[in-house]
């Protein structure tokens, strides 16, 4: 998010779908670039700093992983990439012409990303109530994109107020923290609620299964879309099943671009494609029968018919009682040059 863009900013969320493999991570970058994402985002963490060794696995994390993995720490430890790996991924993003983004989970990762000169920080929903961490990141003066899953308005206000003490450059992402998130619980109208209440840009971190929700979010005003994607939904790992494969990601982006194109600038005016129809489908006053020169025009002398180009229908009553300047043939359009404008 190096600068504000007029178009919707689309983040391909690679997350931990690299399964701890630098090779797979590079392939994910390639997919995001081919599909037209503006950025690809990873998660930068150190398992020992992120969670206790006693932290339980979430239900969605248990699916598609080895039964030998008993705790979140076991799972996350196997998904770590080193800072050196991320430096290589950053350079690969530069090579592919796509922005590298990352979600840090600890101060060390924040500092390292600062050294890498990332353009902004993405903060996960789980850190929204971690006010000391938000304060630390906000002091870096980089734009911050904050997901709001699992949060109510009071908690979001606390987070926003904490950040704004040091940094006004903030975007909120409406988010439902479930994998996959049920369509009937996405509550996309909350995008507008957040916009109106906090006066900041709002996007959508889409955890739903399909591609329908993100274009709908754009129609409701989302300026950023974040969506998980994978090389193969059948791979082992916690997030693959709730992610899009390449063809789905490409279709979603195509639909988003169509929707944002359809939204326009909001100014109600005659569209360029409509102009050729104006005279064809609008109407004029037409002589019911021949009107002789000097004749006073009566209501019964007038009809309203296509095409436009003559006196418009709104002048119907104004024309009644005027005299004809010349003979007006039956079924002819009546123009102002055909009548005296005063009786």
Protein backbone atom coordinates (compact mmCIF):
# COMPACT_ATOMS: atom_id res chain seq x y z
CA UNK A 1 0.00 0.00 0.00
CA UNK A 2 2.77 2.37 -1.00
CA UNK A 3 0.24 5.02 -2.04
CA UNK A 4 -3.51 5.46 -2.07
CA UNK A 5 -4.93 3.89 -5.17
CA UNK A 6 -8.13 4.84 -6.94
CA UNK A 7 -8.79 1.21 -7.78
CA UNK A 8 -9.60 -1.46 -5.24
CA UNK A 9 -6.39 -2.81 -3.72
CA UNK A 10 -6.39 -6.61 -3.86
CA UNK A 11 -4.22 -8.60 -1.46
CA UNK A 12 -3.61 -12.26 -2.15
CA UNK A 13 -3.27 -13.79 1.33
CA UNK A 14 -0.61 -16.47 1.03
CA UNK A 15 -0.46 -16.64 4.81
CA UNK A 16 1.06 -19.95 5.84
CA UNK A 17 -0.09 -21.83 2.74
CA UNK A 18 3.57 -22.29 1.83
CA UNK A 19 3.66 -25.03 4.51
CA UNK A 20 7.08 -23.80 5.64
CA UNK A 21 8.62 -24.19 2.17
CA UNK A 22 10.44 -21.30 0.48
CA UNK A 23 9.87 -22.96 -2.89
CA UNK A 24 6.10 -23.12 -2.38
CA UNK A 25 6.10 -19.54 -1.11
CA UNK A 26 7.71 -18.36 -4.36
CA UNK A 27 5.12 -20.31 -6.34
CA UNK A 28 2.37 -18.55 -4.41
CA UNK A 29 3.89 -15.20 -5.40
CA UNK A 30 3.86 -16.32 -9.02
CA UNK A 31 0.19 -17.25 -8.79
CA UNK A 32 -0.77 -13.94 -7.18
CA UNK A 33 1.11 -12.03 -9.88
CA UNK A 34 -0.49 -14.02 -12.71
CA UNK A 35 -3.96 -13.47 -11.28
CA UNK A 36 -3.57 -9.70 -11.03
CA UNK A 37 -3.24 -9.18 -7.28
CA UNK A 38 -1.75 -5.86 -6.22
CA UNK A 39 0.06 -7.50 -3.30
CA UNK A 40 0.81 -10.88 -1.80
CA UNK A 41 0.85 -11.16 1.97
CA UNK A 42 2.66 -13.54 4.30
CA UNK A 43 2.66 -13.97 8.07
CA UNK A 44 5.91 -13.26 9.90
CA UNK A 45 6.13 -14.89 13.30
CA UNK A 46 8.26 -16.86 15.69
CA UNK A 47 6.29 -19.66 17.27
CA UNK A 48 8.06 -19.32 20.61
CA UNK A 49 7.05 -15.64 20.84
CA UNK A 50 3.57 -16.08 19.40
CA UNK A 51 2.01 -18.69 21.64
CA UNK A 52 2.32 -20.93 24.64
CA UNK A 53 3.24 -24.55 24.08
CA UNK A 54 -0.06 -25.40 25.78
CA UNK A 55 -2.29 -23.46 23.35
CA UNK A 56 -4.97 -25.74 21.92
CA UNK A 57 -5.61 -26.22 18.23
CA UNK A 58 -8.71 -24.55 16.76
CA UNK A 59 -11.16 -26.94 15.15
CA UNK A 60 -10.38 -25.74 11.62
CA UNK A 61 -6.65 -26.21 12.34
CA UNK A 62 -7.17 -29.87 13.21
CA UNK A 63 -8.53 -30.65 9.76
CA UNK A 64 -6.04 -31.74 7.13
CA UNK A 65 -3.00 -32.00 9.41
CA UNK A 66 -1.07 -34.90 10.89
CA UNK A 67 -2.50 -36.50 14.01
CA UNK A 68 0.99 -36.15 15.53
CA UNK A 69 0.42 -32.38 15.83
CA UNK A 70 -1.22 -31.85 19.22
CA UNK A 71 -0.86 -28.12 19.93
CA UNK A 72 -0.91 -24.81 18.07
CA UNK A 73 2.77 -24.46 18.87
CA UNK A 74 3.54 -27.75 17.10
CA UNK A 75 1.55 -26.58 14.07
CA UNK A 76 2.91 -23.05 13.85
CA UNK A 77 6.52 -24.11 14.47
CA UNK A 78 6.37 -26.22 11.32
CA UNK A 79 5.08 -23.25 9.29
CA UNK A 80 7.85 -20.81 10.17
CA UNK A 81 10.01 -19.17 7.54
CA UNK A 82 13.22 -17.38 8.50
CA UNK A 83 13.84 -13.67 8.03
CA UNK A 84 16.36 -14.65 5.36
CA UNK A 85 13.61 -16.55 3.56
CA UNK A 86 11.38 -13.48 3.61
CA UNK A 87 14.17 -11.34 2.19
CA UNK A 88 14.26 -13.73 -0.76
CA UNK A 89 10.48 -13.55 -1.08
CA UNK A 90 10.61 -9.75 -1.01
CA UNK A 91 13.08 -9.79 -3.90
CA UNK A 92 10.97 -12.34 -5.77
CA UNK A 93 7.97 -10.01 -5.42
CA UNK A 94 10.04 -7.17 -6.89
CA UNK A 95 10.98 -9.44 -9.78
CA UNK A 96 7.33 -10.32 -10.42
CA UNK A 97 6.07 -6.73 -10.09
CA UNK A 98 3.85 -7.35 -7.08
CA UNK A 99 4.00 -5.75 -3.65
CA UNK A 100 5.25 -7.76 -0.67
CA UNK A 101 3.13 -7.38 2.48
CA UNK A 102 3.33 -9.13 5.80
CA UNK A 103 1.51 -9.53 9.09
CA UNK A 104 3.91 -9.40 12.06
CA UNK A 105 3.01 -10.98 15.40
CA UNK A 106 5.83 -9.74 17.61
CA UNK A 107 8.08 -6.69 18.01
CA UNK A 108 11.13 -8.44 16.57
CA UNK A 109 9.22 -9.18 13.37
CA UNK A 110 8.02 -5.56 13.22
CA UNK A 111 11.57 -4.28 13.50
CA UNK A 112 12.79 -6.69 10.87
CA UNK A 113 10.03 -5.65 8.46
CA UNK A 114 10.98 -2.02 9.04
CA UNK A 115 14.53 -2.88 7.99
CA UNK A 116 13.08 -4.54 4.89
CA UNK A 117 11.32 -1.22 4.17
CA UNK A 118 7.83 -2.59 3.73
CA UNK A 119 5.27 0.03 2.73
CA UNK A 120 2.76 -0.78 5.49
CA UNK A 121 1.83 -3.22 8.25
CA UNK A 122 -1.12 -5.58 8.18
CA UNK A 123 -2.38 -6.38 11.67
CA UNK A 124 -4.42 -9.53 12.27
CA UNK A 125 -7.76 -9.64 14.06
CA UNK A 126 -6.17 -11.55 16.92
CA UNK A 127 -3.97 -8.55 17.75
CA UNK A 128 -6.80 -6.00 17.78
CA UNK A 129 -7.02 -6.04 21.58
CA UNK A 130 -3.23 -6.19 21.99
CA UNK A 131 -2.99 -2.45 22.60
CA UNK A 132 0.71 -2.42 23.60
CA UNK A 133 1.54 -4.11 20.28
CA UNK A 134 -0.67 -1.69 18.31
CA UNK A 135 1.04 1.22 20.04
CA UNK A 136 4.47 -0.19 19.15
CA UNK A 137 3.58 -0.67 15.47
CA UNK A 138 1.88 2.73 15.22
CA UNK A 139 5.10 4.45 16.34
CA UNK A 140 6.77 3.20 13.16
CA UNK A 141 4.61 5.72 11.25
CA UNK A 142 3.80 3.26 8.49
CA UNK A 143 0.22 2.89 7.18
CA UNK A 144 -1.61 0.18 9.13
CA UNK A 145 -4.31 -2.18 7.85
CA UNK A 146 -6.22 -3.58 10.82
CA UNK A 147 -8.58 -6.57 10.59
CA UNK A 148 -11.58 -6.43 12.91
CA UNK A 149 -12.68 -10.06 13.23
CA UNK A 150 -14.20 -11.10 16.59
CA UNK A 151 -14.42 -7.44 17.66
CA UNK A 152 -17.25 -5.17 18.73
CA UNK A 153 -17.37 -1.42 18.12
CA UNK A 154 -15.97 -0.51 21.54
CA UNK A 155 -12.93 -2.75 21.03
CA UNK A 156 -12.37 -1.36 17.54
CA UNK A 157 -12.57 2.19 18.94
CA UNK A 158 -9.95 1.36 21.57
CA UNK A 159 -7.66 -0.02 18.88
CA UNK A 160 -8.20 2.94 16.54
CA UNK A 161 -7.68 5.45 19.34
CA UNK A 162 -4.45 3.70 20.35
CA UNK A 163 -3.11 3.81 16.82
CA UNK A 164 -4.21 7.39 16.15
CA UNK A 165 -2.19 8.69 19.10
CA UNK A 166 0.85 8.14 16.90
CA UNK A 167 -0.41 7.44 13.40
CA UNK A 168 -3.42 8.64 11.40
CA UNK A 169 -2.74 6.34 8.45
CA UNK A 170 -5.14 3.49 9.18
CA UNK A 171 -7.49 1.28 7.16
CA UNK A 172 -9.94 -1.10 8.81
CA UNK A 173 -10.87 -4.44 7.32
CA UNK A 174 -14.26 -5.90 8.13
CA UNK A 175 -13.66 -9.57 8.84
CA UNK A 176 -15.41 -12.66 10.17
CA UNK A 177 -12.94 -14.95 11.90
CA UNK A 178 -14.09 -18.38 10.81
CA UNK A 179 -12.56 -20.71 8.23
CA UNK A 180 -14.61 -20.80 6.11
CA UNK A 181 -16.93 -18.01 7.20
CA UNK A 182 -20.65 -18.76 6.59
CA UNK A 183 -22.22 -16.50 3.97
CA UNK A 184 -25.19 -15.71 6.20
CA UNK A 185 -22.86 -14.34 8.89
CA UNK A 186 -20.63 -12.13 6.72
CA UNK A 187 -22.67 -9.01 7.57
CA UNK A 188 -21.19 -6.99 4.72
CA UNK A 189 -23.22 -3.90 5.63
CA UNK A 190 -20.82 -3.52 8.57
CA UNK A 191 -18.37 -2.12 5.99
CA UNK A 192 -20.53 1.00 5.74
CA UNK A 193 -21.03 1.08 9.51
CA UNK A 194 -17.27 1.19 10.04
CA UNK A 195 -16.82 3.85 7.35
CA UNK A 196 -19.47 6.10 8.84
CA UNK A 197 -18.40 5.63 12.46
CA UNK A 198 -14.63 5.92 12.18
CA UNK A 199 -14.25 8.08 9.07
CA UNK A 200 -11.51 5.90 7.58
CA UNK A 201 -11.17 3.69 4.54
CA UNK A 202 -12.62 0.24 5.08
CA UNK A 203 -11.91 -3.00 3.24
CA UNK A 204 -12.90 -6.63 3.60
CA UNK A 205 -10.85 -9.64 4.64
CA UNK A 206 -12.86 -12.39 3.00
CA UNK A 207 -12.84 -15.79 4.70
CA UNK A 208 -15.86 -17.15 2.83
CA UNK A 209 -15.48 -20.15 0.53
CA UNK A 210 -16.54 -18.72 -2.82
CA UNK A 211 -15.81 -15.64 -4.89
CA UNK A 212 -19.16 -13.86 -4.52
CA UNK A 213 -18.65 -11.93 -1.28
CA UNK A 214 -15.66 -9.81 -2.27
CA UNK A 215 -17.27 -8.16 -5.34
CA UNK A 216 -20.34 -7.47 -3.17
CA UNK A 217 -18.07 -5.85 -0.58
CA UNK A 218 -16.61 -3.61 -3.27
CA UNK A 219 -20.13 -2.55 -4.25
CA UNK A 220 -20.65 -1.54 -0.62
CA UNK A 221 -17.54 0.63 -0.61
CA UNK A 222 -14.64 -1.67 0.32
CA UNK A 223 -11.36 -0.20 -0.92
CA UNK A 224 -9.18 -3.20 -0.05
CA UNK A 225 -9.93 -6.89 -0.52
CA UNK A 226 -7.88 -9.60 1.17
CA UNK A 227 -8.43 -13.24 0.23
CA UNK A 228 -6.62 -16.48 1.09
CA UNK A 229 -5.34 -18.51 -1.85
CA UNK A 230 -3.41 -21.74 -2.25
CA UNK A 231 -1.68 -23.86 -4.83
CA UNK A 232 -3.99 -26.79 -4.04
CA UNK A 233 -6.94 -26.91 -1.63
CA UNK A 234 -6.17 -30.58 -1.01
CA UNK A 235 -2.75 -29.88 0.52
CA UNK A 236 -2.10 -30.60 4.19
CA UNK A 237 -2.26 -27.50 6.36
CA UNK A 238 -4.72 -25.38 8.35
CA UNK A 239 -5.82 -22.80 5.75
CA UNK A 240 -5.85 -24.59 2.38
CA UNK A 241 -9.48 -25.75 2.51
CA UNK A 242 -10.75 -22.20 3.06
CA UNK A 243 -8.59 -20.76 0.27
CA UNK A 244 -9.05 -20.18 -3.45
CA UNK A 245 -7.08 -21.96 -6.13
CA UNK A 246 -5.56 -20.01 -8.99
CA UNK A 247 -8.51 -20.11 -11.41
CA UNK A 248 -10.91 -19.04 -8.65
CA UNK A 249 -8.65 -16.20 -7.53
CA UNK A 250 -8.39 -14.95 -11.10
CA UNK A 251 -12.17 -15.08 -11.54
CA UNK A 252 -12.73 -13.21 -8.28
CA UNK A 253 -10.35 -10.44 -9.34
CA UNK A 254 -12.03 -10.20 -12.75
CA UNK A 255 -15.41 -9.80 -11.05
CA UNK A 256 -14.06 -7.18 -8.64
CA UNK A 257 -12.67 -5.13 -11.52
CA UNK A 258 -16.02 -5.39 -13.34
CA UNK A 259 -17.90 -4.24 -10.24
CA UNK A 260 -15.62 -1.29 -9.56
CA UNK A 261 -15.88 -0.31 -13.23
CA UNK A 262 -19.68 -0.43 -12.95
CA UNK A 263 -19.69 1.76 -9.82
CA UNK A 264 -18.54 4.86 -11.72
CA UNK A 265 -18.14 8.29 -10.14
CA UNK A 266 -21.62 8.59 -8.65
CA UNK A 267 -22.54 11.69 -10.69
CA UNK A 268 -25.94 11.19 -12.32
CA UNK A 269 -25.60 12.27 -15.94
CA UNK A 270 -26.34 11.03 -19.44
CA UNK A 271 -23.91 8.19 -20.11
CA UNK A 272 -21.95 8.36 -23.35
CA UNK A 273 -23.62 5.18 -24.59
CA UNK A 274 -27.10 6.67 -23.96
CA UNK A 275 -26.73 9.84 -25.98
CA UNK A 276 -27.67 8.23 -29.29
CA UNK A 277 -31.05 7.20 -27.86
CA UNK A 278 -32.16 10.54 -26.40
CA UNK A 279 -33.88 11.86 -29.53
CA UNK A 280 -35.15 8.43 -30.53
CA UNK A 281 -37.08 7.59 -27.35
CA UNK A 282 -38.05 11.00 -25.95
CA UNK A 283 -41.05 12.82 -27.40
CA UNK A 284 -42.21 16.06 -29.00
CA UNK A 285 -45.52 17.81 -29.55
CA UNK A 286 -47.05 16.61 -32.81
CA UNK A 287 -49.96 17.98 -34.84
CA UNK A 288 -53.01 15.65 -34.60
CA UNK A 289 -54.30 17.08 -37.91
CA UNK A 290 -53.12 19.87 -40.21
CA UNK A 291 -52.93 23.24 -38.45
CA UNK A 292 -53.38 26.23 -40.79
CA UNK A 293 -51.26 29.37 -40.64
CA UNK A 294 -52.70 31.81 -38.08
CA UNK A 295 -54.84 29.14 -36.42
CA UNK A 296 -55.06 29.25 -32.63
CA UNK A 297 -53.80 25.93 -31.33
CA UNK A 298 -56.20 23.95 -29.14
CA UNK A 299 -55.50 21.01 -26.84
CA UNK A 300 -57.24 18.72 -29.34
CA UNK A 301 -54.70 19.77 -32.00
CA UNK A 302 -51.80 18.31 -30.00
CA UNK A 303 -50.40 14.82 -29.46
CA UNK A 304 -47.19 13.69 -27.75
CA UNK A 305 -45.13 11.28 -29.84
CA UNK A 306 -41.60 10.16 -30.58
CA UNK A 307 -39.04 11.38 -31.61
CA UNK A 308 -37.66 14.33 -29.68
CA UNK A 309 -36.32 17.37 -31.48
CA UNK A 310 -39.40 19.57 -31.41
CA UNK A 311 -41.21 21.30 -28.55
CA UNK A 312 -40.95 19.01 -25.52
CA UNK A 313 -43.97 17.56 -23.66
CA UNK A 314 -43.44 19.77 -20.61
CA UNK A 315 -44.44 22.79 -22.75
CA UNK A 316 -47.83 21.23 -23.68
CA UNK A 317 -50.01 23.74 -21.77
CA UNK A 318 -47.81 26.63 -22.82
CA UNK A 319 -48.45 25.95 -26.53
CA UNK A 320 -52.25 25.85 -26.15
CA UNK A 321 -53.66 29.21 -27.28
CA UNK A 322 -50.66 30.18 -29.42
CA UNK A 323 -51.03 30.94 -33.16
CA UNK A 324 -49.33 28.98 -35.92
CA UNK A 325 -46.73 30.97 -37.87
CA UNK A 326 -47.19 28.65 -40.85
CA UNK A 327 -49.13 25.64 -41.98
CA UNK A 328 -48.20 22.57 -39.88
CA UNK A 329 -48.94 19.30 -41.65
CA UNK A 330 -50.73 16.47 -39.81
CA UNK A 331 -48.41 14.22 -37.76
CA UNK A 332 -45.56 16.72 -38.03
CA UNK A 333 -43.34 17.62 -35.10
CA UNK A 334 -44.08 21.13 -33.88
CA UNK A 335 -41.07 23.39 -33.30
CA UNK A 336 -40.90 26.78 -31.63
CA UNK A 337 -40.19 28.30 -35.04
CA UNK A 338 -43.66 27.08 -36.09
CA UNK A 339 -45.60 29.19 -33.57
CA UNK A 340 -45.80 32.71 -32.25
CA UNK A 341 -44.60 32.45 -28.66
CA UNK A 342 -47.22 34.98 -27.52
CA UNK A 343 -50.90 34.61 -28.30
